[in-house]
Amino acid sequence: MEAIPWAAIVPLLVLAVGFVGYCLFDLSRSEVRHLPKWAWALVCLLSIPVGGIVYLLVGRETSADR
């Protein structure tokens, strides 16, 4: 059994946690489309990083949408 390459895994985990944290912070301060905020939070948390990308592209209301 080989050792786990922690030097490669830790930076990816830090990036994933930071990205989800950014998405949740943005979610708390923005208006959303298509789903309620709690549903977007679940999407972001349960499907890292795809959920956050979908939220940023589809779920966040922009100034042009208002």
C-alpha atoms as a PDB file:
ATOM      1  CA  MET A   1       0.000   0.000   0.000  1.00  0.00           C
ATOM      2  CA  GLU A   2       1.378   3.372  -1.025  1.00  0.00           C
ATOM      3  CA  ALA A   3       1.416   6.444   1.170  1.00  0.00           C
ATOM      4  CA  ILE A   4      -1.201   9.123   0.573  1.00  0.00           C
ATOM      5  CA  PRO A   5       0.320  12.112  -1.289  1.00  0.00           C
ATOM      6  CA  TRP A   6      -0.757  14.769   1.225  1.00  0.00           C
ATOM      7  CA  ALA A   7       1.346  17.432  -0.484  1.00  0.00           C
ATOM      8  CA  ALA A   8      -0.952  17.138  -3.497  1.00  0.00           C
ATOM      9  CA  ILE A   9      -4.250  16.666  -1.637  1.00  0.00           C
ATOM     10  CA  VAL A  10      -4.068  19.461   0.950  1.00  0.00           C
ATOM     11  CA  PRO A  11      -3.899  22.369  -1.555  1.00  0.00           C
ATOM     12  CA  LEU A  12      -6.889  20.942  -3.428  1.00  0.00           C
ATOM     13  CA  LEU A  13      -8.866  20.675  -0.196  1.00  0.00           C
ATOM     14  CA  VAL A  14      -7.970  24.241   0.758  1.00  0.00           C
ATOM     15  CA  LEU A  15      -9.093  25.488  -2.673  1.00  0.00           C
ATOM     16  CA  ALA A  16     -12.360  23.528  -2.461  1.00  0.00           C
ATOM     17  CA  VAL A  17     -13.163  24.834   1.037  1.00  0.00           C
ATOM     18  CA  GLY A  18     -12.288  28.378  -0.006  1.00  0.00           C
ATOM     19  CA  PHE A  19     -14.446  28.165  -3.122  1.00  0.00           C
ATOM     20  CA  VAL A  20     -17.449  26.824  -1.215  1.00  0.00           C
ATOM     21  CA  GLY A  21     -16.905  29.486   1.445  1.00  0.00           C
ATOM     22  CA  TYR A  22     -16.893  32.190  -1.230  1.00  0.00           C
ATOM     23  CA  CYS A  23     -20.075  30.804  -2.806  1.00  0.00           C
ATOM     24  CA  LEU A  24     -21.875  30.666   0.555  1.00  0.00           C
ATOM     25  CA  PHE A  25     -20.727  34.196   1.440  1.00  0.00           C
ATOM     26  CA  ASP A  26     -21.899  35.496  -1.937  1.00  0.00           C
ATOM     27  CA  LEU A  27     -25.163  33.590  -1.547  1.00  0.00           C
ATOM     28  CA  SER A  28     -25.843  35.256   1.787  1.00  0.00           C
ATOM     29  CA  ARG A  29     -25.390  38.735   0.299  1.00  0.00           C
ATOM     30  CA  SER A  30     -26.987  38.352  -3.157  1.00  0.00           C
ATOM     31  CA  GLU A  31     -30.405  37.882  -4.656  1.00  0.00           C
ATOM     32  CA  VAL A  32     -30.902  34.511  -6.342  1.00  0.00           C
ATOM     33  CA  ARG A  33     -32.851  33.074  -9.251  1.00  0.00           C
ATOM     34  CA  HIS A  34     -34.607  29.751  -9.895  1.00  0.00           C
ATOM     35  CA  LEU A  35     -34.242  28.252  -6.350  1.00  0.00           C
ATOM     36  CA  PRO A  36     -34.501  29.522  -2.769  1.00  0.00           C
ATOM     37  CA  LYS A  37     -31.252  30.406  -1.001  1.00  0.00           C
ATOM     38  CA  TRP A  38     -31.329  27.286   1.203  1.00  0.00           C
ATOM     39  CA  ALA A  39     -31.549  25.082  -1.908  1.00  0.00           C
ATOM     40  CA  TRP A  40     -28.602  26.865  -3.539  1.00  0.00           C
ATOM     41  CA  ALA A  41     -26.624  26.365  -0.324  1.00  0.00           C
ATOM     42  CA  LEU A  42     -27.327  22.618  -0.475  1.00  0.00           C
ATOM     43  CA  VAL A  43     -26.346  22.483  -4.146  1.00  0.00           C
ATOM     44  CA  CYS A  44     -23.064  24.256  -3.369  1.00  0.00           C
ATOM     45  CA  LEU A  45     -22.282  21.997  -0.411  1.00  0.00           C
ATOM     46  CA  LEU A  46     -23.294  18.659  -1.891  1.00  0.00           C
ATOM     47  CA  SER A  47     -21.654  18.913  -5.294  1.00  0.00           C
ATOM     48  CA  ILE A  48     -18.279  20.573  -4.897  1.00  0.00           C
ATOM     49  CA  PRO A  49     -17.135  22.314  -7.164  1.00  0.00           C
ATOM     50  CA  VAL A  50     -19.868  21.882  -9.786  1.00  0.00           C
ATOM     51  CA  GLY A  51     -22.612  23.212  -7.497  1.00  0.00           C
ATOM     52  CA  GLY A  52     -20.736  26.437  -6.854  1.00  0.00           C
ATOM     53  CA  ILE A  53     -20.009  26.934 -10.528  1.00  0.00           C
ATOM     54  CA  VAL A  54     -23.683  26.388 -11.410  1.00  0.00           C
ATOM     55  CA  TYR A  55     -24.736  28.834  -8.681  1.00  0.00           C
ATOM     56  CA  LEU A  56     -22.332  31.517  -9.916  1.00  0.00           C
ATOM     57  CA  LEU A  57     -23.365  31.088 -13.565  1.00  0.00           C
ATOM     58  CA  VAL A  58     -27.108  30.445 -13.235  1.00  0.00           C
ATOM     59  CA  GLY A  59     -28.367  31.135  -9.734  1.00  0.00           C
ATOM     60  CA  ARG A  60     -26.912  34.533  -8.911  1.00  0.00           C
ATOM     61  CA  GLU A  61     -29.005  37.493  -9.971  1.00  0.00           C
ATOM     62  CA  THR A  62     -26.965  40.147 -11.738  1.00  0.00           C
ATOM     63  CA  SER A  63     -27.687  43.854 -12.032  1.00  0.00           C
ATOM     64  CA  ALA A  64     -28.872  43.288 -15.606  1.00  0.00           C
ATOM     65  CA  ASP A  65     -31.552  40.877 -14.311  1.00  0.00           C
ATOM     66  CA  ARG A  66     -33.176  43.426 -12.011  1.00  0.00           C
END
